[in-house]
Protein backbone atom coordinates (compact mmCIF):
# COMPACT_ATOMS: atom_id res chain seq x y z
CA MET A 1 -5.19 164.72 165.36
CA LYS A 2 -4.42 161.35 163.79
CA SER A 3 -4.08 161.29 160.03
CA PHE A 4 -6.27 159.24 157.73
CA LYS A 5 -3.21 157.03 157.12
CA ASP A 6 -3.05 156.22 160.86
CA PHE A 7 -6.75 155.40 160.84
CA LEU A 8 -6.23 153.01 157.94
CA LYS A 9 -3.37 151.27 159.77
CA ILE A 10 -5.53 150.74 162.84
CA SER A 11 -8.42 149.50 160.68
CA VAL A 12 -6.16 146.98 158.91
CA LYS A 13 -4.87 145.68 162.24
CA LEU A 14 -8.44 145.27 163.50
CA LEU A 15 -9.43 143.43 160.34
CA LEU A 16 -6.46 141.12 160.72
CA PHE A 17 -7.39 140.49 164.34
CA ALA A 18 -11.11 139.89 163.60
CA PRO A 19 -10.75 136.24 162.44
CA ILE A 20 -8.76 135.44 165.60
CA LEU A 21 -11.42 137.07 167.76
CA ALA A 22 -14.17 135.24 165.87
CA PHE A 23 -12.37 131.93 166.37
CA MET A 24 -11.98 132.60 170.09
CA VAL A 25 -15.67 133.46 170.48
CA TYR A 26 -16.63 130.33 168.51
CA CYS A 27 -14.51 128.07 170.75
CA ASN A 28 -15.63 129.73 173.96
CA TYR A 29 -19.28 129.31 173.00
CA HIS A 30 -19.26 125.82 171.49
CA ILE A 31 -16.67 124.10 173.70
CA ASP A 32 -18.01 125.94 176.76
CA PRO A 33 -15.76 124.29 179.39
CA SER A 34 -17.70 125.60 182.41
CA GLY A 35 -21.12 124.88 180.95
CA LEU A 36 -22.24 128.51 180.83
CA PHE A 37 -24.16 128.14 177.57
CA PHE A 38 -24.91 124.45 177.06
CA GLY A 39 -24.37 122.82 180.44
CA LYS A 40 -21.45 120.53 181.09
CA GLY A 41 -20.29 116.98 181.50
CA PHE A 42 -22.49 113.91 181.57
CA GLU A 43 -25.78 115.81 181.38
CA ARG A 44 -24.72 117.91 178.40
CA ILE A 45 -23.79 114.84 176.37
CA ALA A 46 -26.96 113.06 177.47
CA SER A 47 -29.11 116.01 176.37
CA GLU A 48 -27.38 116.03 172.98
CA TYR A 49 -28.19 112.33 172.55
CA MET A 50 -31.81 112.97 173.52
CA LEU A 51 -32.10 115.81 171.03
CA ASP A 52 -30.82 113.40 168.38
CA GLY A 53 -33.67 111.02 169.28
CA LYS A 54 -31.47 108.56 171.19
CA TYR A 55 -32.45 106.53 174.27
CA ILE A 56 -29.96 106.58 177.15
CA SER A 57 -29.26 103.76 179.59
CA GLY A 58 -28.11 104.17 183.17
CA TYR A 59 -30.51 106.98 184.11
CA GLU A 60 -29.69 106.20 187.75
CA ARG A 61 -26.24 107.75 187.21
CA LEU A 62 -27.65 111.03 185.91
CA ASP A 63 -28.52 114.14 187.86
CA GLY A 64 -32.05 114.22 186.47
CA ARG A 65 -32.70 117.80 187.56
CA LYS A 66 -29.52 119.06 185.94
CA LEU A 67 -30.29 117.05 182.81
CA ASN A 68 -33.70 118.73 182.49
CA GLU A 69 -32.07 122.14 182.92
CA VAL A 70 -29.40 121.42 180.31
CA TYR A 71 -32.02 120.02 177.93
CA ALA A 72 -34.08 123.21 178.31
CA MET A 73 -30.99 125.24 177.41
CA ASN A 74 -30.29 123.24 174.27
CA VAL A 75 -33.67 122.25 172.80
CA PRO A 76 -34.22 124.54 169.77
CA TYR A 77 -37.97 124.93 170.31
CA ALA A 78 -40.52 125.26 173.09
CA PRO A 79 -42.19 121.90 173.81
CA GLN A 80 -45.89 122.40 173.17
CA VAL A 81 -46.81 120.21 176.14
CA LEU A 82 -44.81 120.05 179.38
CA ILE A 83 -45.42 117.85 182.40
CA ASN A 84 -43.95 118.22 185.86
CA GLY A 85 -44.17 115.83 188.79
CA SER A 86 -42.29 113.02 190.49
CA SER A 87 -41.30 109.50 189.44
CA ARG A 88 -45.02 108.67 189.64
CA SER A 89 -45.48 110.71 186.44
CA MET A 90 -42.20 109.99 184.68
CA THR A 91 -43.56 107.22 182.45
CA ILE A 92 -46.11 109.53 180.81
CA THR A 93 -45.17 109.95 177.15
CA ALA A 94 -46.19 112.09 174.21
CA ASP A 95 -48.01 109.10 172.69
CA MET A 96 -50.30 109.00 175.72
CA ILE A 97 -51.45 112.59 175.94
CA CYS A 98 -50.39 114.58 172.86
CA PRO A 99 -49.37 112.29 169.98
CA ASN A 100 -49.26 115.08 167.40
CA LYS A 101 -47.40 117.70 169.42
CA THR A 102 -43.91 118.25 170.79
CA PHE A 103 -43.64 117.18 174.41
CA TYR A 104 -41.23 117.00 177.31
CA ASN A 105 -41.64 115.20 180.62
CA ALA A 106 -39.74 117.32 183.16
CA SER A 107 -40.70 115.20 186.18
CA ASN A 108 -38.04 114.31 188.73
CA VAL A 109 -37.38 111.36 191.01
CA GLY A 110 -38.58 112.51 194.43
CA GLY A 111 -40.07 115.67 192.91
CA ASP A 112 -40.97 118.09 195.72
CA ARG A 113 -42.60 121.52 196.01
CA TYR A 114 -39.40 123.21 194.81
CA ASP A 115 -39.19 121.01 191.70
CA PHE A 116 -42.86 121.67 191.05
CA PHE A 117 -42.10 125.26 190.05
CA THR A 118 -38.56 124.94 188.73
CA SER A 119 -39.51 122.21 186.22
CA TYR A 120 -41.48 124.90 184.41
CA TYR A 121 -39.08 127.77 185.12
CA ILE A 122 -36.05 126.15 183.46
CA PHE A 123 -37.94 126.35 180.14
CA ALA A 124 -39.51 129.77 180.76
CA LYS A 125 -36.08 131.26 181.47
CA GLN A 126 -35.04 130.24 177.98
CA GLY A 127 -38.16 131.74 176.40
CA LYS A 128 -39.52 128.25 175.70
CA GLU A 129 -42.89 128.25 177.40
CA PRO A 130 -45.37 125.47 176.54
CA GLU A 131 -48.86 125.79 175.16
CA THR A 132 -50.12 123.30 177.77
CA ILE A 133 -48.68 122.27 181.13
CA VAL A 134 -49.76 119.20 183.08
CA LEU A 135 -49.33 119.79 186.80
CA SER A 136 -48.95 116.39 188.44
CA LEU A 137 -50.01 117.05 192.02
CA ASP A 138 -48.40 114.55 194.36
CA SER A 139 -50.03 114.72 197.77
CA TRP A 140 -46.77 115.47 199.60
CA LEU A 141 -46.47 118.82 197.81
CA PHE A 142 -49.08 120.02 200.29
CA ASN A 143 -47.28 118.66 203.36
CA PRO A 144 -45.48 121.50 205.22
CA SER A 145 -43.10 119.05 206.89
CA GLU A 146 -39.43 119.17 205.90
CA GLU A 147 -39.68 115.38 205.62
CA ALA A 148 -41.46 115.95 202.28
CA ILE A 149 -38.50 117.85 200.80
CA ASP A 150 -35.92 116.21 198.54
CA HIS A 151 -32.32 117.26 199.11
CA ARG A 152 -31.66 117.26 195.35
CA SER A 153 -34.11 120.03 194.43
CA ASN A 154 -32.81 123.47 193.46
CA LYS A 155 -33.96 125.78 196.24
CA GLN A 156 -32.31 128.93 194.86
CA LEU A 157 -33.97 128.49 191.46
CA TYR A 158 -37.30 128.15 193.29
CA TYR A 159 -36.67 131.40 195.16
CA ASP A 160 -35.73 133.10 191.90
CA PHE A 161 -39.03 132.03 190.35
CA LEU A 162 -41.15 133.18 193.29
CA ASN A 163 -39.32 136.48 193.49
CA GLN A 164 -38.93 137.38 189.85
CA GLU A 165 -42.03 135.79 188.29
CA LEU A 166 -44.70 135.56 191.00
CA GLY A 167 -43.71 138.79 192.72
CA LEU A 168 -43.19 137.20 196.13
CA THR A 169 -40.37 139.52 197.15
CA GLU A 170 -40.08 138.14 200.66
CA TYR A 171 -38.09 135.23 199.23
CA THR A 172 -34.34 135.71 198.80
CA SER A 173 -33.39 135.72 195.15
CA VAL A 174 -29.96 136.11 193.57
CA PRO A 175 -30.42 137.34 189.97
CA GLU A 176 -28.39 135.60 187.29
CA ASN A 177 -25.31 137.61 186.33
CA LYS A 178 -25.65 137.54 182.54
CA GLU A 179 -22.85 140.09 182.14
CA VAL A 180 -20.31 137.63 183.54
CA LYS A 181 -21.71 134.91 181.30
CA TYR A 182 -21.31 136.83 178.06
CA LYS A 183 -17.97 138.36 178.99
CA ALA A 184 -16.68 134.78 178.86
CA LEU A 185 -17.23 134.82 175.07
CA PHE A 186 -14.44 137.37 174.69
CA SER A 187 -12.23 136.10 177.48
CA PRO A 188 -8.72 134.86 176.50
CA SER A 189 -8.52 132.88 179.77
CA TYR A 190 -11.83 131.16 179.00
CA PHE A 191 -10.45 130.40 175.54
CA GLN A 192 -7.39 128.77 177.12
CA SER A 193 -9.69 126.70 179.35
CA ALA A 194 -11.74 125.73 176.31
CA ILE A 195 -8.66 124.47 174.44
CA ARG A 196 -7.48 122.49 177.49
CA TYR A 197 -10.96 121.03 177.92
CA TYR A 198 -11.14 120.07 174.23
CA LYS A 199 -7.73 118.33 174.38
CA ARG A 200 -8.34 116.56 177.72
CA ASP A 201 -8.01 112.80 178.16
CA THR A 202 -11.55 111.38 178.12
CA SER A 203 -10.58 107.72 178.36
CA GLN A 204 -11.54 107.53 182.05
CA ASP A 205 -14.72 109.63 181.80
CA ILE A 206 -18.04 107.96 182.55
CA MET A 207 -20.21 108.79 179.56
CA PRO A 208 -23.91 108.30 178.81
CA GLU A 209 -24.56 105.12 176.89
CA ILE A 210 -26.98 104.88 173.99
CA VAL A 211 -29.36 101.94 174.25
CA GLU A 212 -28.84 99.44 171.48
CA GLY A 213 -31.71 97.10 170.67
CA ASP A 214 -35.01 96.83 172.52
CA VAL A 215 -35.37 99.75 174.95
CA HIS A 216 -38.00 97.73 176.86
CA ASN A 217 -35.52 95.00 177.66
CA SER A 218 -32.79 97.09 179.28
CA THR A 219 -31.07 96.07 182.51
CA SER A 220 -31.22 99.68 183.72
CA THR A 221 -33.75 102.50 183.60
CA VAL A 222 -33.83 104.23 180.21
CA LYS A 223 -34.17 107.96 179.65
CA CYS A 224 -36.23 108.65 176.52
CA PRO A 225 -35.82 111.54 174.06
CA ASP A 226 -39.08 113.11 175.32
CA GLY A 227 -37.87 113.16 178.94
CA SER A 228 -39.96 110.19 180.07
CA ILE A 229 -38.39 107.00 181.39
CA ILE A 230 -38.74 103.29 180.75
CA TYR A 231 -38.13 101.18 183.82
CA ASP A 232 -35.64 98.34 183.66
CA ALA A 233 -36.96 94.96 182.56
CA ALA A 234 -36.54 93.39 186.00
CA PHE A 235 -38.79 96.00 187.63
CA MET A 236 -41.33 95.87 184.81
CA ASN A 237 -41.50 92.07 185.14
CA SER A 238 -41.75 91.98 188.93
CA THR A 239 -43.38 88.84 190.27
CA LYS A 240 -46.35 88.91 192.62
CA ASP A 241 -44.05 88.04 195.52
CA GLN A 242 -41.77 90.97 194.67
CA ILE A 243 -44.71 93.38 194.40
CA ASP A 244 -46.15 92.11 197.69
CA PHE A 245 -42.78 92.60 199.36
CA ALA A 246 -42.63 96.17 198.00
CA LEU A 247 -46.11 96.84 199.40
CA PHE A 248 -45.11 95.39 202.77
CA SER A 249 -41.93 97.49 202.86
CA ALA A 250 -43.86 100.67 202.06
CA THR A 251 -46.35 100.13 204.88
CA LEU A 252 -44.20 98.97 207.79
CA PRO A 253 -45.87 99.55 211.17
CA HIS A 254 -44.47 102.35 213.31
CA GLN A 255 -42.89 104.00 210.26
CA PRO A 256 -44.44 107.05 208.52
CA LEU A 257 -45.94 106.27 205.15
CA LEU A 258 -44.19 107.92 202.18
CA ASN A 259 -43.75 111.67 202.83
CA MET A 260 -46.69 111.63 205.27
CA CYS A 261 -44.71 112.55 208.39
CA ASP A 262 -46.36 115.39 210.37
CA PHE A 263 -48.94 115.90 207.62
CA THR A 264 -51.58 117.43 209.87
CA GLN A 265 -52.93 120.10 207.50
CA LEU A 266 -52.51 121.62 204.07
CA ASP A 267 -49.48 123.84 203.66
CA GLN A 268 -51.08 127.27 203.23
CA GLU A 269 -47.85 128.70 201.88
CA PHE A 270 -47.79 126.15 199.07
CA THR A 271 -51.50 126.49 198.23
CA ASN A 272 -51.04 130.26 197.96
CA GLN A 273 -48.05 129.79 195.64
CA LEU A 274 -49.92 127.17 193.60
CA GLU A 275 -52.88 129.46 193.00
CA LEU A 276 -50.61 132.35 192.05
CA PHE A 277 -48.80 129.98 189.69
CA ILE A 278 -52.02 128.93 187.95
CA GLU A 279 -53.12 132.56 187.60
CA TYR A 280 -49.68 133.42 186.22
CA LEU A 281 -49.84 130.60 183.64
CA GLN A 282 -53.37 131.46 182.56
CA ALA A 283 -52.43 135.13 182.18
CA LYS A 284 -49.79 133.96 179.69
CA GLY A 285 -52.38 131.96 177.77
CA ILE A 286 -50.96 128.59 178.85
CA ASN A 287 -53.50 125.78 179.23
CA VAL A 288 -53.33 124.10 182.63
CA VAL A 289 -54.28 120.48 183.34
CA LEU A 290 -54.25 118.89 186.82
CA TYR A 291 -53.37 115.25 187.40
CA LEU A 292 -53.61 113.26 190.64
CA PRO A 293 -51.41 110.14 190.30
CA PRO A 294 -53.05 107.21 192.14
CA TYR A 295 -51.65 104.99 194.88
CA GLN A 296 -51.94 101.20 194.80
CA GLU A 297 -55.12 99.98 196.50
CA PHE A 298 -53.40 98.28 199.46
CA PHE A 299 -51.20 101.29 200.17
CA TYR A 300 -54.24 103.57 200.04
CA SER A 301 -56.09 101.30 202.46
CA MET A 302 -53.16 101.74 204.87
CA LEU A 303 -53.45 105.50 204.46
CA VAL A 304 -57.08 105.22 205.51
CA GLU A 305 -56.37 102.81 208.35
CA ARG A 306 -53.71 105.15 209.75
CA LYS A 307 -55.63 108.34 209.05
CA ASP A 308 -54.91 109.86 212.46
CA GLU A 309 -51.20 110.00 211.59
CA HIS A 310 -51.68 112.22 208.52
CA PRO A 311 -55.11 113.90 208.45
CA GLY A 312 -53.80 116.58 206.08
CA PHE A 313 -53.54 114.04 203.28
CA PHE A 314 -57.32 113.63 203.18
CA GLU A 315 -57.81 117.34 202.54
CA VAL A 316 -55.68 117.39 199.37
CA GLU A 317 -57.93 115.76 196.79
CA ASP A 318 -60.98 117.85 197.70
CA TYR A 319 -58.87 120.98 197.57
CA CYS A 320 -57.54 120.06 194.10
CA HIS A 321 -61.08 119.61 192.76
CA GLN A 322 -62.06 122.98 194.23
CA LEU A 323 -59.00 124.45 192.53
CA ALA A 324 -60.01 122.95 189.18
CA GLU A 325 -63.51 124.39 189.54
CA LYS A 326 -62.24 127.81 190.63
CA TYR A 327 -59.95 128.18 187.62
CA ASN A 328 -62.08 126.18 185.15
CA ILE A 329 -59.36 123.66 184.38
CA PRO A 330 -59.61 119.90 183.78
CA ILE A 331 -58.53 117.44 186.45
CA TYR A 332 -57.82 113.72 186.00
CA GLY A 333 -56.91 110.88 188.31
CA SER A 334 -57.42 110.26 192.02
CA TYR A 335 -55.17 109.16 194.86
CA ASP A 336 -57.66 106.36 195.55
CA SER A 337 -57.20 103.86 192.71
CA ALA A 338 -60.59 102.32 193.52
CA ASN A 339 -62.19 105.51 192.20
CA LEU A 340 -60.55 104.80 188.86
CA ASP A 341 -61.38 101.09 188.57
CA LEU A 342 -57.69 100.23 188.85
CA GLY A 343 -56.61 96.93 190.38
CA TYR A 344 -53.58 95.04 191.58
CA ASP A 345 -52.26 94.39 188.08
CA ASP A 346 -52.18 98.09 187.23
CA PHE A 347 -49.28 98.77 189.62
CA LEU A 348 -45.61 97.86 189.87
CA ASP A 349 -45.42 98.70 193.58
CA ALA A 350 -47.21 100.96 196.06
CA PHE A 351 -46.69 104.17 194.09
CA HIS A 352 -45.94 103.50 190.42
CA MET A 353 -48.48 102.48 187.80
CA ARG A 354 -47.72 100.27 184.86
CA PRO A 355 -47.30 102.64 181.90
CA ASN A 356 -50.03 100.99 179.84
CA SER A 357 -52.50 101.50 182.69
CA ILE A 358 -52.05 105.27 182.58
CA TYR A 359 -54.11 105.23 179.38
CA LYS A 360 -57.10 104.30 181.55
CA ILE A 361 -57.12 107.64 183.36
CA LEU A 362 -55.31 110.23 181.22
CA PRO A 363 -56.98 111.03 177.88
CA VAL A 364 -55.37 112.83 174.97
CA ILE A 365 -55.37 116.37 176.32
CA ALA A 366 -53.73 118.37 173.56
């Protein structure tokens, strides 16, 4: 049996080692070279700027989906209002729909049915669920064709959500290995990587750039602190000829209209998941709002003229209104801009509204 003197010796050694261990844990956590805790690289720095209230130029260089995920990891609170969707919803800001509440626009360029769920899940995984969520329902979410899928969306995260949150166990899900993550805190090899990462040469790194001056006069798309975007000045000031050319390009004969390929009927798999999702959110006490982002009037007229190519599209809006009635939730917008008294000047191209025109259809909701 060891003597009390031996016990004291061991205790003293442990106390002497404790500051070293604490320093290692601190470095492993805060430097985080593999992005286990805060994310890594360009998106981590960008999220830090956003959390400091900074506007970032060059959004085109960012992985927007990864940025949203890293932001969700680092934001110290749960945004009270969250919006998901595609680029057609990315210009919606807190000032438009919830001026007195915290807000994040988690929409993605090319947002598809996978992004639709994961934009919420990245916050829920961190215990940062919103009070209100705006579900921006692009019509192609309901198209079962693979042509409506964006290659950038996180399919595994989608499967994780369906499996672990909605109870759809037929989907393959790989649970996050949190044990490996937190072992890294006490790992000497991770500490060595952290020191190397901290001392690395950053002179050649491409870093996010903070917008100086007028954010509405930038030569590139700007990412705002609330997750929304401000389009570059050239796009915002498009001439009539440029808008007409964009409309012509979006409606070329003998080419499928945007994400309308093989859209013969509603995707029953997605509608089932959507209804389970709404029930899941309401069970948590989260307010749900539906939004149908409109198409420009000429583009919509082409949808009607070529109806035989995509009959499923014309089932979506009626279904969404039935959904709103079934679950007693508000719904705003319409794919047909004529229903909303919107005209040519309310759009920048076939799909994207001028930000100021969104006020015409989306009221303050929270």
